[in-house]
N, C-alpha and C. Protein backbone atom coordinates (compact mmCIF):
# COMPACT_ATOMS: atom_id res chain seq x y z
N MET A 1 28.89 19.61 56.90
CA MET A 1 28.03 20.04 55.15
C MET A 1 29.45 19.35 54.19
N SER A 2 28.25 18.55 53.37
CA SER A 2 29.45 17.71 52.25
C SER A 2 30.16 19.30 51.14
N SER A 3 30.90 18.68 50.52
CA SER A 3 31.26 19.65 49.59
C SER A 3 30.46 19.38 48.42
N PRO A 4 29.85 20.70 48.27
CA PRO A 4 29.19 21.04 46.67
C PRO A 4 30.12 20.35 45.26
N ASN A 5 29.47 20.07 44.80
CA ASN A 5 29.52 19.47 43.08
C ASN A 5 29.28 20.66 41.98
N VAL A 6 30.23 21.77 42.49
CA VAL A 6 29.98 23.09 41.82
C VAL A 6 30.94 22.74 39.90
N THR A 7 30.74 22.98 39.54
CA THR A 7 31.58 23.26 38.02
C THR A 7 31.27 25.02 37.71
N TYR A 8 32.56 25.44 37.42
CA TYR A 8 33.01 26.61 37.24
C TYR A 8 32.93 27.17 35.58
N ILE A 9 32.40 27.76 34.74
CA ILE A 9 32.27 27.86 33.89
C ILE A 9 32.82 29.05 33.29
N PRO A 10 34.02 29.55 33.00
CA PRO A 10 34.40 30.89 32.72
C PRO A 10 33.96 31.41 31.02
N ASN A 11 33.60 32.36 31.51
CA ASN A 11 32.97 32.98 31.00
C ASN A 11 31.87 32.75 29.68
N PHE A 12 31.34 32.17 30.16
CA PHE A 12 29.96 31.51 30.60
C PHE A 12 28.97 32.27 29.61
N TYR A 13 28.52 33.80 29.46
CA TYR A 13 28.14 35.29 28.90
C TYR A 13 29.83 36.13 28.47
N SER A 14 29.30 36.58 27.37
CA SER A 14 30.34 37.72 26.95
C SER A 14 30.60 39.02 27.82
N GLN A 15 31.23 39.37 28.05
CA GLN A 15 31.07 40.72 28.95
C GLN A 15 29.25 41.87 29.04
N GLU A 16 30.13 41.91 27.53
CA GLU A 16 28.79 42.60 26.28
C GLU A 16 26.92 41.70 27.33
N GLU A 17 27.27 40.30 27.00
CA GLU A 17 26.17 39.89 27.45
C GLU A 17 25.27 39.89 29.15
N SER A 18 26.60 39.53 29.70
CA SER A 18 26.72 39.71 31.23
C SER A 18 26.45 41.37 31.61
N ASN A 19 26.61 42.30 31.53
CA ASN A 19 25.63 43.36 31.63
C ASN A 19 24.51 43.73 31.44
N GLU A 20 24.43 43.33 30.20
CA GLU A 20 22.66 42.88 29.39
C GLU A 20 22.06 42.87 30.34
N ILE A 21 22.50 41.12 30.95
CA ILE A 21 21.17 40.10 31.78
C ILE A 21 21.67 40.73 32.74
N PHE A 22 22.79 41.17 33.19
CA PHE A 22 22.73 41.95 34.87
C PHE A 22 21.99 43.56 34.82
N THR A 23 21.91 44.09 34.04
CA THR A 23 20.73 45.32 33.83
C THR A 23 19.64 44.47 34.06
N LYS A 24 19.74 43.82 33.37
CA LYS A 24 17.62 43.04 33.37
C LYS A 24 17.29 42.98 34.43
N LEU A 25 17.80 42.02 34.53
CA LEU A 25 17.58 41.50 36.97
C LEU A 25 17.67 42.10 37.54
N LEU A 26 18.21 43.58 37.65
CA LEU A 26 18.23 44.70 38.31
C LEU A 26 16.62 44.70 38.86
N LYS A 27 16.68 44.98 37.56
CA LYS A 27 14.34 45.28 37.44
C LYS A 27 14.02 44.10 37.83
N CYS A 28 14.09 42.96 38.49
CA CYS A 28 13.41 42.15 38.71
C CYS A 28 12.77 42.85 39.82
N PRO A 29 11.56 42.12 40.25
CA PRO A 29 10.49 42.55 41.77
C PRO A 29 11.24 42.32 42.77
N PHE A 30 12.41 42.40 43.01
CA PHE A 30 12.74 41.57 44.94
C PHE A 30 11.88 42.44 46.10
N LYS A 31 12.05 41.41 46.77
CA LYS A 31 11.83 41.47 48.37
C LYS A 31 12.43 41.02 48.84
N GLN A 32 11.76 41.23 50.61
CA GLN A 32 12.35 40.70 51.64
C GLN A 32 11.46 40.59 52.52
N PRO A 33 11.16 38.78 52.00
CA PRO A 33 10.33 37.99 53.20
C PRO A 33 10.57 38.09 54.57
N ILE A 34 9.84 38.03 55.37
CA ILE A 34 9.64 37.23 56.32
C ILE A 34 9.68 36.01 56.89
N ILE A 35 10.79 35.51 57.29
CA ILE A 35 11.39 34.37 57.17
C ILE A 35 12.23 34.04 58.61
N LYS A 36 11.38 32.65 58.84
CA LYS A 36 12.26 31.71 61.03
C LYS A 36 12.76 30.90 60.63
N VAL A 37 14.06 31.34 61.60
CA VAL A 37 15.46 30.26 61.74
C VAL A 37 15.15 30.61 63.38
N TRP A 38 16.04 29.28 63.54
CA TRP A 38 15.40 29.21 65.20
C TRP A 38 14.31 29.22 65.55
N GLY A 39 13.61 29.99 65.33
CA GLY A 39 11.89 30.20 65.79
C GLY A 39 11.11 31.75 66.01
N LYS A 40 12.92 32.13 65.40
CA LYS A 40 12.72 33.97 65.09
C LYS A 40 12.34 34.36 63.81
N SER A 41 11.39 35.28 63.77
CA SER A 41 10.80 35.97 62.45
C SER A 41 11.64 37.49 62.11
N TYR A 42 12.47 37.81 60.75
CA TYR A 42 12.94 38.65 60.86
C TYR A 42 13.24 38.16 59.32
N ARG A 43 13.48 39.66 59.02
CA ARG A 43 13.66 39.98 57.07
C ARG A 43 15.00 40.10 57.23
N PRO A 44 15.86 38.95 56.82
CA PRO A 44 17.26 39.00 55.72
C PRO A 44 17.45 40.43 55.37
N LEU A 45 18.88 41.00 55.32
CA LEU A 45 19.24 41.79 54.81
C LEU A 45 19.05 41.31 52.85
N ARG A 46 19.31 40.25 52.39
CA ARG A 46 19.36 39.99 50.89
C ARG A 46 17.69 40.04 50.43
N LYS A 47 17.86 40.37 49.40
CA LYS A 47 16.36 40.73 48.65
C LYS A 47 16.06 39.34 47.68
N SER A 48 14.60 38.68 47.51
CA SER A 48 15.06 37.55 46.51
C SER A 48 14.12 38.16 45.62
N CYS A 49 13.39 37.38 44.75
CA CYS A 49 12.85 36.69 43.81
C CYS A 49 12.60 35.63 42.95
N SER A 50 11.49 35.42 43.19
CA SER A 50 12.05 34.15 41.85
C SER A 50 10.72 33.82 40.64
N TYR A 51 11.30 32.58 39.39
CA TYR A 51 10.67 32.65 38.56
C TYR A 51 10.46 31.20 38.18
N GLY A 52 9.07 30.79 37.43
CA GLY A 52 9.02 29.01 37.79
C GLY A 52 7.99 28.83 36.63
N ASP A 53 7.97 27.17 37.05
CA ASP A 53 6.62 27.03 36.16
C ASP A 53 5.73 27.08 36.79
N HIS A 54 3.94 27.11 36.48
CA HIS A 54 3.28 27.65 37.28
C HIS A 54 2.69 26.85 37.86
N ASP A 55 3.68 25.92 38.00
CA ASP A 55 2.82 24.67 39.35
C ASP A 55 3.45 24.25 40.34
N ILE A 56 5.33 25.58 40.63
CA ILE A 56 5.93 24.98 41.57
C ILE A 56 6.00 26.11 42.46
N GLU A 57 5.78 25.82 43.88
CA GLU A 57 6.20 26.70 44.84
C GLU A 57 6.57 26.04 45.74
N TYR A 58 7.97 27.50 46.43
CA TYR A 58 9.45 26.97 47.01
C TYR A 58 8.95 27.74 48.70
N GLY A 59 8.68 26.55 49.83
CA GLY A 59 9.05 27.40 51.30
C GLY A 59 10.22 26.40 51.86
N TYR A 60 10.76 27.78 52.64
CA TYR A 60 11.27 27.73 53.24
C TYR A 60 11.73 28.62 54.36
N SER A 61 12.14 28.53 55.66
CA SER A 61 12.13 28.65 56.79
C SER A 61 10.77 30.03 57.18
N GLY A 62 9.22 29.41 57.19
CA GLY A 62 8.47 29.73 57.72
C GLY A 62 7.95 30.73 56.13
N HIS A 63 8.52 30.67 55.07
CA HIS A 63 8.18 31.52 53.90
C HIS A 63 8.37 30.53 52.55
N CYS A 64 6.76 30.82 51.91
CA CYS A 64 6.28 30.39 51.30
C CYS A 64 6.97 30.97 49.78
N GLU A 65 7.44 30.41 49.15
CA GLU A 65 7.81 31.32 47.39
C GLU A 65 6.83 31.22 46.55
N ARG A 66 6.32 32.04 45.87
CA ARG A 66 5.16 31.43 44.39
C ARG A 66 6.24 32.44 43.57
N PRO A 67 6.26 31.33 41.97
CA PRO A 67 7.16 32.20 41.33
C PRO A 67 6.85 32.71 40.76
N LEU A 68 7.18 33.36 39.88
CA LEU A 68 6.66 34.85 38.72
C LEU A 68 6.27 33.87 37.71
N PRO A 69 6.15 33.67 36.58
CA PRO A 69 5.83 33.23 35.34
C PRO A 69 7.64 33.79 34.44
N TRP A 70 8.23 32.18 33.85
CA TRP A 70 9.54 32.73 33.27
C TRP A 70 8.64 33.98 32.25
N ASN A 71 9.88 35.57 32.26
CA ASN A 71 9.68 35.38 31.12
C ASN A 71 11.07 35.88 29.90
N ARG A 72 11.95 36.74 29.32
CA ARG A 72 12.35 36.34 28.35
C ARG A 72 14.08 36.11 28.78
N THR A 73 13.99 37.51 29.75
CA THR A 73 15.50 37.07 29.51
C THR A 73 15.72 35.50 30.40
N MET A 74 14.68 35.80 31.81
CA MET A 74 14.48 34.69 32.77
C MET A 74 14.83 33.05 31.79
N LEU A 75 13.61 32.82 30.67
CA LEU A 75 13.34 31.41 29.51
C LEU A 75 14.92 31.12 28.85
N LYS A 76 15.55 32.79 28.70
CA LYS A 76 17.28 32.39 28.14
C LYS A 76 18.03 32.33 28.71
N ILE A 77 18.43 32.15 29.75
CA ILE A 77 19.10 31.94 31.01
C ILE A 77 18.68 30.63 31.13
N LYS A 78 17.76 29.98 31.59
CA LYS A 78 17.09 28.86 31.30
C LYS A 78 17.57 28.05 30.85
N SER A 79 17.69 28.35 29.41
CA SER A 79 18.03 27.41 28.65
C SER A 79 19.40 27.57 27.67
N ASP A 80 19.76 28.28 28.29
CA ASP A 80 21.82 28.34 28.25
C ASP A 80 22.05 27.38 28.89
N VAL A 81 21.71 27.67 30.49
CA VAL A 81 22.12 26.84 31.26
C VAL A 81 21.52 24.66 31.20
N GLU A 82 20.20 24.82 30.93
CA GLU A 82 20.59 23.42 30.66
C GLU A 82 20.35 22.89 29.77
N LYS A 83 21.39 23.11 28.56
CA LYS A 83 22.18 23.40 27.42
C LYS A 83 23.36 23.00 27.46
N LYS A 84 24.24 23.98 28.73
CA LYS A 84 25.34 23.23 29.35
C LYS A 84 25.73 22.23 30.13
N THR A 85 23.89 22.10 30.71
CA THR A 85 24.08 21.21 32.06
C THR A 85 23.42 19.51 31.69
N GLY A 86 22.75 19.71 30.79
CA GLY A 86 21.61 18.79 30.39
C GLY A 86 21.13 17.99 30.92
N PHE A 87 20.77 19.57 31.81
CA PHE A 87 19.39 19.31 33.07
C PHE A 87 18.61 20.34 32.78
N GLU A 88 17.35 20.12 32.68
CA GLU A 88 15.92 20.71 32.82
C GLU A 88 15.72 21.29 34.40
N TYR A 89 15.26 22.94 34.28
CA TYR A 89 15.12 23.22 35.55
C TYR A 89 13.54 23.99 35.22
N ASN A 90 13.03 23.56 36.75
CA ASN A 90 11.58 23.99 36.66
C ASN A 90 11.43 25.71 37.86
N PHE A 91 12.21 26.28 38.44
CA PHE A 91 12.30 27.16 38.98
C PHE A 91 13.90 28.01 39.57
N VAL A 92 13.49 28.60 39.70
CA VAL A 92 15.45 30.01 40.29
C VAL A 92 14.69 30.61 41.59
N LEU A 93 15.21 31.22 42.53
CA LEU A 93 15.41 32.00 43.37
C LEU A 93 16.57 32.59 42.62
N LEU A 94 16.02 33.79 43.07
CA LEU A 94 17.24 35.22 42.55
C LEU A 94 17.27 35.94 44.03
N ASN A 95 18.52 35.99 44.59
CA ASN A 95 18.90 36.63 45.68
C ASN A 95 19.31 37.92 45.19
N PHE A 96 19.71 39.07 45.46
CA PHE A 96 19.70 40.22 45.60
C PHE A 96 20.39 40.83 47.08
N TYR A 97 21.43 41.13 47.21
CA TYR A 97 22.66 41.29 47.89
C TYR A 97 23.74 42.82 47.93
N ASN A 98 22.57 43.54 48.31
CA ASN A 98 22.75 45.27 47.93
C ASN A 98 24.42 45.84 49.08
N SER A 99 25.25 44.66 49.22
CA SER A 99 26.21 45.47 49.63
C SER A 99 27.21 44.11 50.41
N GLY A 100 27.97 44.48 50.92
CA GLY A 100 29.03 43.35 51.68
C GLY A 100 28.49 42.84 52.92
N TYR A 101 27.73 43.50 53.62
CA TYR A 101 27.17 43.08 54.69
C TYR A 101 25.84 42.27 54.76
N ALA A 102 25.12 42.19 53.31
CA ALA A 102 23.97 41.91 53.31
C ALA A 102 24.62 39.87 52.97
N LYS A 103 24.33 39.09 53.43
CA LYS A 103 24.64 37.45 53.22
C LYS A 103 24.66 36.97 54.07
N ILE A 104 24.69 35.03 53.95
CA ILE A 104 24.41 34.26 54.36
C ILE A 104 25.13 33.39 55.00
N SER A 105 25.28 32.65 56.01
CA SER A 105 26.37 32.02 55.89
C SER A 105 26.06 30.55 54.91
N ALA A 106 27.38 30.06 55.28
CA ALA A 106 26.91 28.54 54.52
C ALA A 106 26.24 27.34 55.39
N HIS A 107 24.86 26.87 53.96
CA HIS A 107 23.92 26.02 54.74
C HIS A 107 23.25 24.96 53.57
N LYS A 108 23.34 24.46 53.45
CA LYS A 108 22.47 23.24 52.94
C LYS A 108 20.63 23.71 53.16
N ASP A 109 19.50 23.57 52.12
CA ASP A 109 18.38 24.13 52.16
C ASP A 109 18.66 23.10 52.34
N ASP A 110 17.41 22.08 52.97
CA ASP A 110 17.28 21.17 53.57
C ASP A 110 15.45 20.48 53.64
N GLU A 111 14.90 21.81 52.18
CA GLU A 111 13.47 21.51 52.53
C GLU A 111 12.43 20.32 51.72
N PRO A 112 11.87 19.92 52.29
CA PRO A 112 11.67 17.75 51.65
C PRO A 112 11.08 18.07 50.12
N SER A 113 10.40 19.14 49.38
CA SER A 113 10.73 19.56 48.27
C SER A 113 11.81 19.54 47.08
N LEU A 114 12.86 19.90 47.92
CA LEU A 114 13.69 19.22 47.38
C LEU A 114 14.46 18.25 47.08
N ASP A 115 14.82 18.26 46.00
CA ASP A 115 15.90 16.82 45.60
C ASP A 115 17.32 16.35 45.80
N GLN A 116 16.87 16.06 46.94
CA GLN A 116 17.87 15.12 48.72
C GLN A 116 18.69 14.98 47.27
N SER A 117 18.96 14.35 45.97
CA SER A 117 20.63 13.86 46.10
C SER A 117 21.20 15.56 45.28
N SER A 118 20.78 16.56 44.96
CA SER A 118 21.24 17.81 44.42
C SER A 118 21.64 18.96 45.79
């Protein structure tokens, strides 16, 4: 796997803003979808939830993720990130790991619907 192009921006949000956003994100309707990896179906320990444009779907590991419509909190994050990065986004997949045991190993999503240059 090649090294990802990651930019860390310290203090992107203030501590107060971060706490407020985190509290709102905890109320998202997270679910544990059944996914298929190497021919086996299971529910991962992580929970997920997605938001996005109305015409977007994201399929991975035999699961189709249909996003919820953007809400006020997600639109604020989306706008702030777009301003900082100069890119426009149409979908976000939120993952919730409720313990140190809920994890996923390093991987690259290679679904055909993704921009292969990212």
